[in-house]
Amino acid sequence: GLIREFGNFVLSKGVAQLARWQRDEA
């Protein structure tokens, strides 16, 4: 029963990564 917690974790890490990519022109 940890799938939801794990899913939220991966999604928030992923969105944070996109934000970092967005800040760099490359």
PDB file of all heavy atoms in Angstrom:
ATOM      1  N   GLY A   1       0.772  -1.238   0.000  1.00  0.00           N
ATOM      2  CA  GLY A   1       0.000   0.000   0.000  1.00  0.00           C
ATOM      3  C   GLY A   1       0.803   1.288   0.000  1.00  0.00           C
ATOM      4  O   GLY A   1       0.344   2.306   0.506  1.00  0.00           O
ATOM      5  N   LEU A   2       2.015   1.234  -0.557  1.00  0.00           N
ATOM      6  CA  LEU A   2       2.845   2.454  -0.577  1.00  0.00           C
ATOM      7  C   LEU A   2       2.884   3.087  -1.959  1.00  0.00           C
ATOM      8  O   LEU A   2       3.611   4.047  -2.188  1.00  0.00           O
ATOM      9  CB  LEU A   2       4.290   2.107  -0.190  1.00  0.00           C
ATOM     10  CG  LEU A   2       4.545   1.727   1.258  1.00  0.00           C
ATOM     11  CD1 LEU A   2       5.964   1.209   1.408  1.00  0.00           C
ATOM     12  CD2 LEU A   2       4.333   2.934   2.154  1.00  0.00           C
ATOM     13  N   ILE A   3       2.109   2.526  -2.878  1.00  0.00           N
ATOM     14  CA  ILE A   3       2.246   2.907  -4.284  1.00  0.00           C
ATOM     15  C   ILE A   3       1.912   4.386  -4.497  1.00  0.00           C
ATOM     16  O   ILE A   3       2.548   5.086  -5.275  1.00  0.00           O
ATOM     17  CB  ILE A   3       1.391   1.999  -5.196  1.00  0.00           C
ATOM     18  CG1 ILE A   3       1.810   2.144  -6.642  1.00  0.00           C
ATOM     19  CG2 ILE A   3      -0.086   2.228  -5.035  1.00  0.00           C
ATOM     20  CD1 ILE A   3       3.046   1.385  -7.000  1.00  0.00           C
ATOM     21  N   ARG A   4       0.946   4.860  -3.731  1.00  0.00           N
ATOM     22  CA  ARG A   4       0.510   6.249  -3.907  1.00  0.00           C
ATOM     23  C   ARG A   4       1.594   7.218  -3.435  1.00  0.00           C
ATOM     24  O   ARG A   4       1.931   8.188  -4.108  1.00  0.00           O
ATOM     25  CB  ARG A   4      -0.767   6.434  -3.110  1.00  0.00           C
ATOM     26  CG  ARG A   4      -1.401   7.770  -3.308  1.00  0.00           C
ATOM     27  CD  ARG A   4      -2.697   7.813  -2.556  1.00  0.00           C
ATOM     28  NE  ARG A   4      -3.144   9.183  -2.435  1.00  0.00           N
ATOM     29  CZ  ARG A   4      -4.177   9.540  -1.698  1.00  0.00           C
ATOM     30  NH1 ARG A   4      -4.849   8.642  -1.025  1.00  0.00           N
ATOM     31  NH2 ARG A   4      -4.519  10.801  -1.627  1.00  0.00           N
ATOM     32  N   GLU A   5       2.136   6.885  -2.256  1.00  0.00           N
ATOM     33  CA  GLU A   5       3.212   7.705  -1.697  1.00  0.00           C
ATOM     34  C   GLU A   5       4.419   7.727  -2.649  1.00  0.00           C
ATOM     35  O   GLU A   5       5.028   8.764  -2.897  1.00  0.00           O
ATOM     36  CB  GLU A   5       3.644   7.067  -0.379  1.00  0.00           C
ATOM     37  CG  GLU A   5       3.861   8.032   0.752  1.00  0.00           C
ATOM     38  CD  GLU A   5       4.186   7.257   2.029  1.00  0.00           C
ATOM     39  OE1 GLU A   5       3.467   6.290   2.348  1.00  0.00           O
ATOM     40  OE2 GLU A   5       5.178   7.617   2.670  1.00  0.00           O
ATOM     41  N   PHE A   6       4.748   6.539  -3.157  1.00  0.00           N
ATOM     42  CA  PHE A   6       5.880   6.412  -4.064  1.00  0.00           C
ATOM     43  C   PHE A   6       5.609   7.190  -5.360  1.00  0.00           C
ATOM     44  O   PHE A   6       6.463   7.915  -5.863  1.00  0.00           O
ATOM     45  CB  PHE A   6       6.135   4.927  -4.367  1.00  0.00           C
ATOM     46  CG  PHE A   6       7.210   4.690  -5.391  1.00  0.00           C
ATOM     47  CD1 PHE A   6       8.504   5.158  -5.190  1.00  0.00           C
ATOM     48  CD2 PHE A   6       6.932   4.006  -6.571  1.00  0.00           C
ATOM     49  CE1 PHE A   6       9.508   4.945  -6.135  1.00  0.00           C
ATOM     50  CE2 PHE A   6       7.925   3.789  -7.520  1.00  0.00           C
ATOM     51  CZ  PHE A   6       9.209   4.254  -7.307  1.00  0.00           C
ATOM     52  N   GLY A   7       4.374   7.063  -5.875  1.00  0.00           N
ATOM     53  CA  GLY A   7       3.987   7.770  -7.096  1.00  0.00           C
ATOM     54  C   GLY A   7       4.099   9.280  -6.937  1.00  0.00           C
ATOM     55  O   GLY A   7       4.620   9.977  -7.812  1.00  0.00           O
ATOM     56  N   ASN A   8       3.625   9.785  -5.788  1.00  0.00           N
ATOM     57  CA  ASN A   8       3.711  11.234  -5.518  1.00  0.00           C
ATOM     58  C   ASN A   8       5.155  11.693  -5.463  1.00  0.00           C
ATOM     59  O   ASN A   8       5.513  12.764  -5.957  1.00  0.00           O
ATOM     60  CB  ASN A   8       3.036  11.576  -4.182  1.00  0.00           C
ATOM     61  CG  ASN A   8       1.522  11.493  -4.277  1.00  0.00           C
ATOM     62  OD1 ASN A   8       0.965  11.498  -5.379  1.00  0.00           O
ATOM     63  ND2 ASN A   8       0.857  11.402  -3.142  1.00  0.00           N
ATOM     64  N   PHE A   9       5.975  10.846  -4.847  1.00  0.00           N
ATOM     65  CA  PHE A   9       7.402  11.160  -4.701  1.00  0.00           C
ATOM     66  C   PHE A   9       8.054  11.299  -6.080  1.00  0.00           C
ATOM     67  O   PHE A   9       8.760  12.264  -6.366  1.00  0.00           O
ATOM     68  CB  PHE A   9       8.064  10.050  -3.879  1.00  0.00           C
ATOM     69  CG  PHE A   9       9.564  10.114  -3.880  1.00  0.00           C
ATOM     70  CD1 PHE A   9      10.245  11.004  -3.071  1.00  0.00           C
ATOM     71  CD2 PHE A   9      10.305   9.267  -4.704  1.00  0.00           C
ATOM     72  CE1 PHE A   9      11.636  11.057  -3.081  1.00  0.00           C
ATOM     73  CE2 PHE A   9      11.690   9.315  -4.718  1.00  0.00           C
ATOM     74  CZ  PHE A   9      12.353  10.215  -3.899  1.00  0.00           C
ATOM     75  N   VAL A  10       7.799  10.324  -6.957  1.00  0.00           N
ATOM     76  CA  VAL A  10       8.419  10.327  -8.290  1.00  0.00           C
ATOM     77  C   VAL A  10       7.921  11.526  -9.105  1.00  0.00           C
ATOM     78  O   VAL A  10       8.701  12.210  -9.773  1.00  0.00           O
ATOM     79  CB  VAL A  10       8.145   9.000  -9.038  1.00  0.00           C
ATOM     80  CG1 VAL A  10       8.578   9.086 -10.491  1.00  0.00           C
ATOM     81  CG2 VAL A  10       8.865   7.851  -8.337  1.00  0.00           C
ATOM     82  N   LEU A  11       6.613  11.792  -8.996  1.00  0.00           N
ATOM     83  CA  LEU A  11       6.047  12.898  -9.755  1.00  0.00           C
ATOM     84  C   LEU A  11       6.623  14.233  -9.303  1.00  0.00           C
ATOM     85  O   LEU A  11       6.999  15.074 -10.131  1.00  0.00           O
ATOM     86  CB  LEU A  11       4.521  12.882  -9.577  1.00  0.00           C
ATOM     87  CG  LEU A  11       3.667  13.427 -10.702  1.00  0.00           C
ATOM     88  CD1 LEU A  11       4.069  12.861 -12.055  1.00  0.00           C
ATOM     89  CD2 LEU A  11       2.195  13.142 -10.434  1.00  0.00           C
ATOM     90  N   SER A  12       6.749  14.426  -7.979  1.00  0.00           N
ATOM     91  CA  SER A  12       7.259  15.720  -7.512  1.00  0.00           C
ATOM     92  C   SER A  12       8.737  15.871  -7.862  1.00  0.00           C
ATOM     93  O   SER A  12       9.185  16.951  -8.229  1.00  0.00           O
ATOM     94  CB  SER A  12       7.000  15.924  -6.015  1.00  0.00           C
ATOM     95  OG  SER A  12       7.663  14.955  -5.272  1.00  0.00           O
ATOM     96  N   LYS A  13       9.498  14.770  -7.786  1.00  0.00           N
ATOM     97  CA  LYS A  13      10.902  14.834  -8.210  1.00  0.00           C
ATOM     98  C   LYS A  13      11.006  15.160  -9.704  1.00  0.00           C
ATOM     99  O   LYS A  13      11.871  15.925 -10.129  1.00  0.00           O
ATOM    100  CB  LYS A  13      11.580  13.479  -7.960  1.00  0.00           C
ATOM    101  CG  LYS A  13      12.252  13.352  -6.607  1.00  0.00           C
ATOM    102  CD  LYS A  13      13.675  12.835  -6.828  1.00  0.00           C
ATOM    103  CE  LYS A  13      14.405  12.396  -5.625  1.00  0.00           C
ATOM    104  NZ  LYS A  13      15.220  13.266  -4.877  1.00  0.00           N
ATOM    105  N   GLY A  14      10.125  14.547 -10.499  1.00  0.00           N
ATOM    106  CA  GLY A  14      10.139  14.759 -11.945  1.00  0.00           C
ATOM    107  C   GLY A  14       9.810  16.203 -12.317  1.00  0.00           C
ATOM    108  O   GLY A  14      10.484  16.807 -13.159  1.00  0.00           O
ATOM    109  N   VAL A  15       8.783  16.758 -11.679  1.00  0.00           N
ATOM    110  CA  VAL A  15       8.388  18.136 -11.982  1.00  0.00           C
ATOM    111  C   VAL A  15       9.489  19.116 -11.550  1.00  0.00           C
ATOM    112  O   VAL A  15       9.801  20.081 -12.256  1.00  0.00           O
ATOM    113  CB  VAL A  15       7.022  18.480 -11.338  1.00  0.00           C
ATOM    114  CG1 VAL A  15       6.697  19.958 -11.506  1.00  0.00           C
ATOM    115  CG2 VAL A  15       5.914  17.633 -11.973  1.00  0.00           C
ATOM    116  N   ALA A  16      10.130  18.823 -10.424  1.00  0.00           N
ATOM    117  CA  ALA A  16      11.253  19.666  -9.972  1.00  0.00           C
ATOM    118  C   ALA A  16      12.402  19.623 -10.987  1.00  0.00           C
ATOM    119  O   ALA A  16      13.067  20.628 -11.253  1.00  0.00           O
ATOM    120  CB  ALA A  16      11.733  19.210  -8.590  1.00  0.00           C
ATOM    121  N   GLN A  17      12.617  18.434 -11.567  1.00  0.00           N
ATOM    122  CA  GLN A  17      13.666  18.295 -12.582  1.00  0.00           C
ATOM    123  C   GLN A  17      13.333  19.125 -13.830  1.00  0.00           C
ATOM    124  O   GLN A  17      14.204  19.817 -14.372  1.00  0.00           O
ATOM    125  CB  GLN A  17      13.798  16.811 -12.977  1.00  0.00           C
ATOM    126  CG  GLN A  17      14.837  16.557 -14.056  1.00  0.00           C
ATOM    127  CD  GLN A  17      16.247  16.889 -13.601  1.00  0.00           C
ATOM    128  OE1 GLN A  17      16.795  16.229 -12.736  1.00  0.00           O
ATOM    129  NE2 GLN A  17      16.826  17.933 -14.161  1.00  0.00           N
ATOM    130  N   LEU A  18      12.077  19.056 -14.255  1.00  0.00           N
ATOM    131  CA  LEU A  18      11.653  19.859 -15.409  1.00  0.00           C
ATOM    132  C   LEU A  18      11.893  21.342 -15.148  1.00  0.00           C
ATOM    133  O   LEU A  18      12.316  22.073 -16.041  1.00  0.00           O
ATOM    134  CB  LEU A  18      10.163  19.632 -15.701  1.00  0.00           C
ATOM    135  CG  LEU A  18       9.810  18.536 -16.698  1.00  0.00           C
ATOM    136  CD1 LEU A  18       8.291  18.413 -16.815  1.00  0.00           C
ATOM    137  CD2 LEU A  18      10.414  18.800 -18.084  1.00  0.00           C
ATOM    138  N   ALA A  19      11.608  21.764 -13.919  1.00  0.00           N
ATOM    139  CA  ALA A  19      11.815  23.180 -13.565  1.00  0.00           C
ATOM    140  C   ALA A  19      13.300  23.541 -13.698  1.00  0.00           C
ATOM    141  O   ALA A  19      13.635  24.613 -14.212  1.00  0.00           O
ATOM    142  CB  ALA A  19      11.323  23.443 -12.147  1.00  0.00           C
ATOM    143  N   ARG A  20      14.191  22.638 -13.259  1.00  0.00           N
ATOM    144  CA  ARG A  20      15.623  22.912 -13.391  1.00  0.00           C
ATOM    145  C   ARG A  20      16.040  22.973 -14.854  1.00  0.00           C
ATOM    146  O   ARG A  20      16.814  23.833 -15.259  1.00  0.00           O
ATOM    147  CB  ARG A  20      16.456  21.858 -12.638  1.00  0.00           C
ATOM    148  CG  ARG A  20      16.375  21.982 -11.138  1.00  0.00           C
ATOM    149  CD  ARG A  20      17.461  21.191 -10.419  1.00  0.00           C
ATOM    150  NE  ARG A  20      17.344  19.751 -10.576  1.00  0.00           N
ATOM    151  CZ  ARG A  20      16.504  18.984  -9.866  1.00  0.00           C
ATOM    152  NH1 ARG A  20      15.691  19.532  -8.976  1.00  0.00           N
ATOM    153  NH2 ARG A  20      16.476  17.667 -10.057  1.00  0.00           N
ATOM    154  N   TRP A  21      15.516  22.043 -15.654  1.00  0.00           N
ATOM    155  CA  TRP A  21      15.832  22.060 -17.088  1.00  0.00           C
ATOM    156  C   TRP A  21      15.352  23.352 -17.740  1.00  0.00           C
ATOM    157  O   TRP A  21      16.012  23.916 -18.596  1.00  0.00           O
ATOM    158  CB  TRP A  21      15.190  20.857 -17.785  1.00  0.00           C
ATOM    159  CG  TRP A  21      15.912  19.569 -17.546  1.00  0.00           C
ATOM    160  CD1 TRP A  21      17.163  19.408 -17.030  1.00  0.00           C
ATOM    161  CD2 TRP A  21      15.427  18.247 -17.825  1.00  0.00           C
ATOM    162  NE1 TRP A  21      17.481  18.066 -16.961  1.00  0.00           N
ATOM    163  CE2 TRP A  21      16.439  17.338 -17.449  1.00  0.00           C
ATOM    164  CE3 TRP A  21      14.234  17.746 -18.357  1.00  0.00           C
ATOM    165  CZ2 TRP A  21      16.293  15.954 -17.589  1.00  0.00           C
ATOM    166  CZ3 TRP A  21      14.084  16.369 -18.489  1.00  0.00           C
ATOM    167  CH2 TRP A  21      15.113  15.482 -18.108  1.00  0.00           C
ATOM    168  N   GLN A  22      14.180  23.793 -17.317  1.00  0.00           N
ATOM    169  CA  GLN A  22      13.591  24.984 -17.925  1.00  0.00           C
ATOM    170  C   GLN A  22      14.426  26.232 -17.682  1.00  0.00           C
ATOM    171  O   GLN A  22      14.361  27.186 -18.438  1.00  0.00           O
ATOM    172  CB  GLN A  22      12.183  25.200 -17.347  1.00  0.00           C
ATOM    173  CG  GLN A  22      11.109  25.233 -18.400  1.00  0.00           C
ATOM    174  CD  GLN A  22       9.702  25.331 -17.808  1.00  0.00           C
ATOM    175  OE1 GLN A  22       8.882  24.479 -18.031  1.00  0.00           O
ATOM    176  NE2 GLN A  22       9.438  26.383 -17.057  1.00  0.00           N
ATOM    177  N   ARG A  23      15.203  26.228 -16.590  1.00  0.00           N
ATOM    178  CA  ARG A  23      15.997  27.415 -16.246  1.00  0.00           C
ATOM    179  C   ARG A  23      17.300  27.499 -17.037  1.00  0.00           C
ATOM    180  O   ARG A  23      18.015  28.480 -16.946  1.00  0.00           O
ATOM    181  CB  ARG A  23      16.298  27.423 -14.737  1.00  0.00           C
ATOM    182  CG  ARG A  23      15.079  27.710 -13.886  1.00  0.00           C
ATOM    183  CD  ARG A  23      15.455  28.099 -12.474  1.00  0.00           C
ATOM    184  NE  ARG A  23      15.992  26.995 -11.691  1.00  0.00           N
ATOM    185  CZ  ARG A  23      15.225  26.144 -10.982  1.00  0.00           C
ATOM    186  NH1 ARG A  23      13.914  26.283 -10.983  1.00  0.00           N
ATOM    187  NH2 ARG A  23      15.793  25.174 -10.284  1.00  0.00           N
ATOM    188  N   ASP A  24      17.620  26.452 -17.785  1.00  0.00           N
ATOM    189  CA  ASP A  24      18.882  26.426 -18.521  1.00  0.00           C
ATOM    190  C   ASP A  24      18.590  26.376 -20.021  1.00  0.00           C
ATOM    191  O   ASP A  24      17.848  25.521 -20.486  1.00  0.00           O
ATOM    192  CB  ASP A  24      19.678  25.191 -18.085  1.00  0.00           C
ATOM    193  CG  ASP A  24      21.052  25.120 -18.738  1.00  0.00           C
ATOM    194  OD1 ASP A  24      21.236  25.725 -19.819  1.00  0.00           O
ATOM    195  OD2 ASP A  24      21.932  24.450 -18.180  1.00  0.00           O
ATOM    196  N   GLU A  25      19.175  27.299 -20.753  1.00  0.00           N
ATOM    197  CA  GLU A  25      18.904  27.399 -22.189  1.00  0.00           C
ATOM    198  C   GLU A  25      19.143  26.087 -22.937  1.00  0.00           C
ATOM    199  O   GLU A  25      18.432  25.752 -23.869  1.00  0.00           O
ATOM    200  CB  GLU A  25      19.809  28.484 -22.785  1.00  0.00           C
ATOM    201  CG  GLU A  25      19.104  29.396 -23.745  1.00  0.00           C
ATOM    202  CD  GLU A  25      19.986  30.587 -24.102  1.00  0.00           C
ATOM    203  OE1 GLU A  25      20.014  31.563 -23.320  1.00  0.00           O
ATOM    204  OE2 GLU A  25      20.636  30.508 -25.161  1.00  0.00           O
ATOM    205  N   ALA A  26      20.171  25.354 -22.512  1.00  0.00           N
ATOM    206  CA  ALA A  26      20.539  24.121 -23.227  1.00  0.00           C
ATOM    207  C   ALA A  26      19.486  23.021 -23.071  1.00  0.00           C
ATOM    208  O   ALA A  26      19.353  22.153 -23.927  1.00  0.00           O
ATOM    209  CB  ALA A  26      21.886  23.619 -22.714  1.00  0.00           C
TER     210      ALA A  26
END
